[in-house]
Amino acid sequence: MRRCPRCGHPTRADRMVKGFGRDCAAQLGLIGNSIDTGHEGPDLLDVLDELGEDACDGADRPADR
């Protein structure tokens, strides 16, 4: 048993992911913890390509003038 450096809970050494317990590793994004939902259609990355560069250039912020 080893202690997770993030939360301090004892974890079996063979269950650790890059030195962290499984819960902490999932919270840190070291392992995937989502399932495939079968989503069809555009996602956020597809929409970002359509926005363009002029979405926010700072000219509309009066405090930054």
PDB file of N, CA and C in Angstrom:
ATOM      1  N   MET A   1       0.850  -1.183   0.000  1.00  0.00           N
ATOM      2  CA  MET A   1       0.000   0.000   0.000  1.00  0.00           C
ATOM      3  C   MET A   1       0.895   1.247   0.000  1.00  0.00           C
ATOM      4  N   ARG A   2       0.507   2.199  -0.807  1.00  0.00           N
ATOM      5  CA  ARG A   2       1.195   3.489  -0.871  1.00  0.00           C
ATOM      6  C   ARG A   2       0.152   4.583  -0.729  1.00  0.00           C
ATOM      7  N   ARG A   3       0.568   5.711  -0.243  1.00  0.00           N
ATOM      8  CA  ARG A   3      -0.344   6.849  -0.094  1.00  0.00           C
ATOM      9  C   ARG A   3      -0.358   7.672  -1.378  1.00  0.00           C
ATOM     10  N   CYS A   4      -1.537   8.076  -1.763  1.00  0.00           N
ATOM     11  CA  CYS A   4      -1.689   8.965  -2.920  1.00  0.00           C
ATOM     12  C   CYS A   4      -1.127  10.331  -2.526  1.00  0.00           C
ATOM     13  N   PRO A   5      -0.251  10.918  -3.339  1.00  0.00           N
ATOM     14  CA  PRO A   5       0.320  12.213  -2.969  1.00  0.00           C
ATOM     15  C   PRO A   5      -0.697  13.356  -2.992  1.00  0.00           C
ATOM     16  N   ARG A   6      -1.814  13.173  -3.662  1.00  0.00           N
ATOM     17  CA  ARG A   6      -2.814  14.241  -3.741  1.00  0.00           C
ATOM     18  C   ARG A   6      -3.775  14.216  -2.563  1.00  0.00           C
ATOM     19  N   CYS A   7      -4.341  13.043  -2.258  1.00  0.00           N
ATOM     20  CA  CYS A   7      -5.373  12.979  -1.222  1.00  0.00           C
ATOM     21  C   CYS A   7      -4.902  12.279   0.054  1.00  0.00           C
ATOM     22  N   GLY A   8      -3.828  11.499  -0.035  1.00  0.00           N
ATOM     23  CA  GLY A   8      -3.294  10.836   1.139  1.00  0.00           C
ATOM     24  C   GLY A   8      -3.914   9.494   1.473  1.00  0.00           C
ATOM     25  N   HIS A   9      -4.893   9.042   0.698  1.00  0.00           N
ATOM     26  CA  HIS A   9      -5.504   7.740   0.967  1.00  0.00           C
ATOM     27  C   HIS A   9      -4.570   6.618   0.557  1.00  0.00           C
ATOM     28  N   PRO A  10      -4.514   5.558   1.361  1.00  0.00           N
ATOM     29  CA  PRO A  10      -3.676   4.412   0.972  1.00  0.00           C
ATOM     30  C   PRO A  10      -4.299   3.682  -0.218  1.00  0.00           C
ATOM     31  N   THR A  11      -3.452   3.360  -1.194  1.00  0.00           N
ATOM     32  CA  THR A  11      -3.888   2.710  -2.422  1.00  0.00           C
ATOM     33  C   THR A  11      -2.922   1.584  -2.743  1.00  0.00           C
ATOM     34  N   ARG A  12      -3.453   0.496  -3.258  1.00  0.00           N
ATOM     35  CA  ARG A  12      -2.571  -0.593  -3.667  1.00  0.00           C
ATOM     36  C   ARG A  12      -1.648  -0.099  -4.772  1.00  0.00           C
ATOM     37  N   ALA A  13      -0.394  -0.475  -4.694  1.00  0.00           N
ATOM     38  CA  ALA A  13       0.605   0.009  -5.646  1.00  0.00           C
ATOM     39  C   ALA A  13       0.265  -0.396  -7.084  1.00  0.00           C
ATOM     40  N   ASP A  14      -0.328  -1.559  -7.274  1.00  0.00           N
ATOM     41  CA  ASP A  14      -0.657  -1.987  -8.631  1.00  0.00           C
ATOM     42  C   ASP A  14      -1.894  -1.293  -9.189  1.00  0.00           C
ATOM     43  N   ARG A  15      -2.643  -0.575  -8.365  1.00  0.00           N
ATOM     44  CA  ARG A  15      -3.833   0.155  -8.815  1.00  0.00           C
ATOM     45  C   ARG A  15      -3.550   1.643  -9.047  1.00  0.00           C
ATOM     46  N   MET A  16      -2.330   2.084  -8.760  1.00  0.00           N
ATOM     47  CA  MET A  16      -1.996   3.500  -8.918  1.00  0.00           C
ATOM     48  C   MET A  16      -1.750   3.820 -10.389  1.00  0.00           C
ATOM     49  N   VAL A  17      -2.091   5.044 -10.764  1.00  0.00           N
ATOM     50  CA  VAL A  17      -1.891   5.517 -12.123  1.00  0.00           C
ATOM     51  C   VAL A  17      -0.929   6.691 -12.056  1.00  0.00           C
ATOM     52  N   LYS A  18       0.277   6.484 -12.585  1.00  0.00           N
ATOM     53  CA  LYS A  18       1.328   7.504 -12.580  1.00  0.00           C
ATOM     54  C   LYS A  18       1.561   8.067 -11.185  1.00  0.00           C
ATOM     55  N   GLY A  19       1.475   7.212 -10.191  1.00  0.00           N
ATOM     56  CA  GLY A  19       1.763   7.598  -8.816  1.00  0.00           C
ATOM     57  C   GLY A  19       0.573   8.100  -8.028  1.00  0.00           C
ATOM     58  N   PHE A  20      -0.610   8.186  -8.626  1.00  0.00           N
ATOM     59  CA  PHE A  20      -1.813   8.689  -7.966  1.00  0.00           C
ATOM     60  C   PHE A  20      -2.835   7.572  -7.841  1.00  0.00           C
ATOM     61  N   GLY A  21      -3.725   7.687  -6.867  1.00  0.00           N
ATOM     62  CA  GLY A  21      -4.849   6.769  -6.752  1.00  0.00           C
ATOM     63  C   GLY A  21      -5.779   6.938  -7.936  1.00  0.00           C
ATOM     64  N   ARG A  22      -6.624   5.945  -8.194  1.00  0.00           N
ATOM     65  CA  ARG A  22      -7.461   6.001  -9.392  1.00  0.00           C
ATOM     66  C   ARG A  22      -8.421   7.184  -9.402  1.00  0.00           C
ATOM     67  N   ASP A  23      -9.027   7.527  -8.270  1.00  0.00           N
ATOM     68  CA  ASP A  23      -9.951   8.667  -8.231  1.00  0.00           C
ATOM     69  C   ASP A  23      -9.222   9.976  -8.527  1.00  0.00           C
ATOM     70  N   CYS A  24      -8.069  10.152  -7.913  1.00  0.00           N
ATOM     71  CA  CYS A  24      -7.301  11.381  -8.144  1.00  0.00           C
ATOM     72  C   CYS A  24      -6.777  11.430  -9.575  1.00  0.00           C
ATOM     73  N   ALA A  25      -6.369  10.291 -10.118  1.00  0.00           N
ATOM     74  CA  ALA A  25      -5.895  10.261 -11.500  1.00  0.00           C
ATOM     75  C   ALA A  25      -7.012  10.649 -12.461  1.00  0.00           C
ATOM     76  N   ALA A  26      -8.236  10.225 -12.185  1.00  0.00           N
ATOM     77  CA  ALA A  26      -9.368  10.608 -13.038  1.00  0.00           C
ATOM     78  C   ALA A  26      -9.659  12.100 -12.912  1.00  0.00           C
ATOM     79  N   GLN A  27      -9.568  12.655 -11.705  1.00  0.00           N
ATOM     80  CA  GLN A  27      -9.813  14.080 -11.508  1.00  0.00           C
ATOM     81  C   GLN A  27      -8.729  14.929 -12.157  1.00  0.00           C
ATOM     82  N   LEU A  28      -7.505  14.412 -12.198  1.00  0.00           N
ATOM     83  CA  LEU A  28      -6.406  15.138 -12.826  1.00  0.00           C
ATOM     84  C   LEU A  28      -6.371  14.960 -14.339  1.00  0.00           C
ATOM     85  N   GLY A  29      -7.229  14.103 -14.871  1.00  0.00           N
ATOM     86  CA  GLY A  29      -7.294  13.880 -16.308  1.00  0.00           C
ATOM     87  C   GLY A  29      -6.250  12.910 -16.825  1.00  0.00           C
ATOM     88  N   LEU A  30      -5.667  12.107 -15.930  1.00  0.00           N
ATOM     89  CA  LEU A  30      -4.661  11.140 -16.360  1.00  0.00           C
ATOM     90  C   LEU A  30      -5.272   9.908 -17.003  1.00  0.00           C
ATOM     91  N   ILE A  31      -6.531   9.627 -16.695  1.00  0.00           N
ATOM     92  CA  ILE A  31      -7.236   8.503 -17.310  1.00  0.00           C
ATOM     93  C   ILE A  31      -8.596   8.994 -17.767  1.00  0.00           C
ATOM     94  N   GLY A  32      -9.118   8.364 -18.772  1.00  0.00           N
ATOM     95  CA  GLY A  32     -10.449   8.713 -19.248  1.00  0.00           C
ATOM     96  C   GLY A  32     -11.501   8.049 -18.394  1.00  0.00           C
ATOM     97  N   ASN A  33     -12.525   8.783 -18.051  1.00  0.00           N
ATOM     98  CA  ASN A  33     -13.580   8.200 -17.232  1.00  0.00           C
ATOM     99  C   ASN A  33     -14.952   8.443 -17.830  1.00  0.00           C
ATOM    100  N   SER A  34     -15.012   8.733 -19.127  1.00  0.00           N
ATOM    101  CA  SER A  34     -16.302   8.962 -19.763  1.00  0.00           C
ATOM    102  C   SER A  34     -16.612   7.807 -20.711  1.00  0.00           C
ATOM    103  N   ILE A  35     -17.877   7.660 -21.026  1.00  0.00           N
ATOM    104  CA  ILE A  35     -18.307   6.605 -21.923  1.00  0.00           C
ATOM    105  C   ILE A  35     -18.736   7.217 -23.243  1.00  0.00           C
ATOM    106  N   ASP A  36     -18.751   6.423 -24.283  1.00  0.00           N
ATOM    107  CA  ASP A  36     -19.201   6.876 -25.593  1.00  0.00           C
ATOM    108  C   ASP A  36     -20.723   6.941 -25.585  1.00  0.00           C
ATOM    109  N   THR A  37     -21.260   8.124 -25.804  1.00  0.00           N
ATOM    110  CA  THR A  37     -22.703   8.301 -25.754  1.00  0.00           C
ATOM    111  C   THR A  37     -23.357   8.165 -27.125  1.00  0.00           C
ATOM    112  N   GLY A  38     -22.559   7.972 -28.159  1.00  0.00           N
ATOM    113  CA  GLY A  38     -23.130   7.841 -29.493  1.00  0.00           C
ATOM    114  C   GLY A  38     -23.583   9.165 -30.068  1.00  0.00           C
ATOM    115  N   HIS A  39     -22.966  10.259 -29.668  1.00  0.00           N
ATOM    116  CA  HIS A  39     -23.336  11.601 -30.129  1.00  0.00           C
ATOM    117  C   HIS A  39     -23.110  11.720 -31.628  1.00  0.00           C
ATOM    118  N   GLU A  40     -24.089  12.280 -32.312  1.00  0.00           N
ATOM    119  CA  GLU A  40     -23.970  12.534 -33.743  1.00  0.00           C
ATOM    120  C   GLU A  40     -24.099  14.023 -33.984  1.00  0.00           C
ATOM    121  N   GLY A  41     -23.380  14.519 -34.959  1.00  0.00           N
ATOM    122  CA  GLY A  41     -23.426  15.927 -35.278  1.00  0.00           C
ATOM    123  C   GLY A  41     -22.179  16.654 -34.812  1.00  0.00           C
ATOM    124  N   PRO A  42     -22.167  17.985 -34.949  1.00  0.00           N
ATOM    125  CA  PRO A  42     -20.966  18.754 -34.598  1.00  0.00           C
ATOM    126  C   PRO A  42     -20.730  18.797 -33.093  1.00  0.00           C
ATOM    127  N   ASP A  43     -19.476  18.881 -32.726  1.00  0.00           N
ATOM    128  CA  ASP A  43     -19.128  19.063 -31.324  1.00  0.00           C
ATOM    129  C   ASP A  43     -18.493  20.438 -31.160  1.00  0.00           C
ATOM    130  N   LEU A  44     -18.009  20.733 -29.991  1.00  0.00           N
ATOM    131  CA  LEU A  44     -17.459  22.054 -29.704  1.00  0.00           C
ATOM    132  C   LEU A  44     -16.281  22.394 -30.605  1.00  0.00           C
ATOM    133  N   LEU A  45     -15.423  21.437 -30.888  1.00  0.00           N
ATOM    134  CA  LEU A  45     -14.262  21.719 -31.731  1.00  0.00           C
ATOM    135  C   LEU A  45     -14.674  22.057 -33.156  1.00  0.00           C
ATOM    136  N   ASP A  46     -15.739  21.460 -33.647  1.00  0.00           N
ATOM    137  CA  ASP A  46     -16.232  21.802 -34.982  1.00  0.00           C
ATOM    138  C   ASP A  46     -16.766  23.222 -35.009  1.00  0.00           C
ATOM    139  N   VAL A  47     -17.438  23.646 -33.961  1.00  0.00           N
ATOM    140  CA  VAL A  47     -18.019  24.986 -33.906  1.00  0.00           C
ATOM    141  C   VAL A  47     -16.916  26.037 -33.777  1.00  0.00           C
ATOM    142  N   LEU A  48     -15.835  25.735 -33.090  1.00  0.00           N
ATOM    143  CA  LEU A  48     -14.745  26.692 -32.936  1.00  0.00           C
ATOM    144  C   LEU A  48     -14.120  27.050 -34.272  1.00  0.00           C
ATOM    145  N   ASP A  49     -14.057  26.107 -35.207  1.00  0.00           N
ATOM    146  CA  ASP A  49     -13.507  26.396 -36.526  1.00  0.00           C
ATOM    147  C   ASP A  49     -14.379  27.394 -37.284  1.00  0.00           C
ATOM    148  N   GLU A  50     -15.669  27.418 -37.025  1.00  0.00           N
ATOM    149  CA  GLU A  50     -16.593  28.296 -37.738  1.00  0.00           C
ATOM    150  C   GLU A  50     -16.609  29.718 -37.186  1.00  0.00           C
ATOM    151  N   LEU A  51     -16.163  29.932 -35.947  1.00  0.00           N
ATOM    152  CA  LEU A  51     -16.277  31.248 -35.328  1.00  0.00           C
ATOM    153  C   LEU A  51     -15.413  32.306 -35.993  1.00  0.00           C
ATOM    154  N   GLY A  52     -14.197  32.020 -36.313  1.00  0.00           N
ATOM    155  CA  GLY A  52     -13.319  33.002 -36.917  1.00  0.00           C
ATOM    156  C   GLY A  52     -12.532  33.764 -35.859  1.00  0.00           C
ATOM    157  N   GLU A  53     -11.623  34.594 -36.328  1.00  0.00           N
ATOM    158  CA  GLU A  53     -10.713  35.293 -35.425  1.00  0.00           C
ATOM    159  C   GLU A  53     -11.292  36.587 -34.862  1.00  0.00           C
ATOM    160  N   ASP A  54     -12.294  37.172 -35.489  1.00  0.00           N
ATOM    161  CA  ASP A  54     -12.790  38.474 -35.043  1.00  0.00           C
ATOM    162  C   ASP A  54     -13.857  38.374 -33.956  1.00  0.00           C
ATOM    163  N   ALA A  55     -13.979  37.247 -33.286  1.00  0.00           N
ATOM    164  CA  ALA A  55     -15.005  37.078 -32.270  1.00  0.00           C
ATOM    165  C   ALA A  55     -14.776  38.010 -31.086  1.00  0.00           C
ATOM    166  N   CYS A  56     -13.535  38.244 -30.708  1.00  0.00           N
ATOM    167  CA  CYS A  56     -13.239  39.151 -29.599  1.00  0.00           C
ATOM    168  C   CYS A  56     -11.861  39.742 -29.819  1.00  0.00           C
ATOM    169  N   ASP A  57     -11.811  40.982 -30.262  1.00  0.00           N
ATOM    170  CA  ASP A  57     -10.524  41.613 -30.502  1.00  0.00           C
ATOM    171  C   ASP A  57     -10.150  42.632 -29.431  1.00  0.00           C
ATOM    172  N   GLY A  58     -11.003  42.812 -28.439  1.00  0.00           N
ATOM    173  CA  GLY A  58     -10.700  43.728 -27.354  1.00  0.00           C
ATOM    174  C   GLY A  58     -11.216  45.138 -27.572  1.00  0.00           C
ATOM    175  N   ALA A  59     -11.642  45.481 -28.788  1.00  0.00           N
ATOM    176  CA  ALA A  59     -12.114  46.845 -29.067  1.00  0.00           C
ATOM    177  C   ALA A  59     -13.451  47.121 -28.394  1.00  0.00           C
ATOM    178  N   ASP A  60     -14.171  46.061 -28.025  1.00  0.00           N
ATOM    179  CA  ASP A  60     -15.476  46.256 -27.391  1.00  0.00           C
ATOM    180  C   ASP A  60     -15.381  46.339 -25.881  1.00  0.00           C
ATOM    181  N   ARG A  61     -14.196  46.475 -25.340  1.00  0.00           N
ATOM    182  CA  ARG A  61     -14.003  46.585 -23.893  1.00  0.00           C
ATOM    183  C   ARG A  61     -13.615  48.016 -23.532  1.00  0.00           C
ATOM    184  N   PRO A  62     -14.530  48.801 -23.013  1.00  0.00           N
ATOM    185  CA  PRO A  62     -14.213  50.204 -22.721  1.00  0.00           C
ATOM    186  C   PRO A  62     -13.142  50.366 -21.645  1.00  0.00           C
ATOM    187  N   ALA A  63     -13.021  49.444 -20.726  1.00  0.00           N
ATOM    188  CA  ALA A  63     -12.028  49.595 -19.669  1.00  0.00           C
ATOM    189  C   ALA A  63     -10.607  49.415 -20.183  1.00  0.00           C
ATOM    190  N   ASP A  64     -10.443  48.756 -21.324  1.00  0.00           N
ATOM    191  CA  ASP A  64      -9.108  48.517 -21.854  1.00  0.00           C
ATOM    192  C   ASP A  64      -8.642  49.617 -22.802  1.00  0.00           C
ATOM    193  N   ARG A  65      -9.438  50.629 -23.015  1.00  0.00           N
ATOM    194  CA  ARG A  65      -9.049  51.701 -23.948  1.00  0.00           C
ATOM    195  C   ARG A  65      -8.015  52.608 -23.371  1.00  0.00           C
TER     196      ARG A  65
END
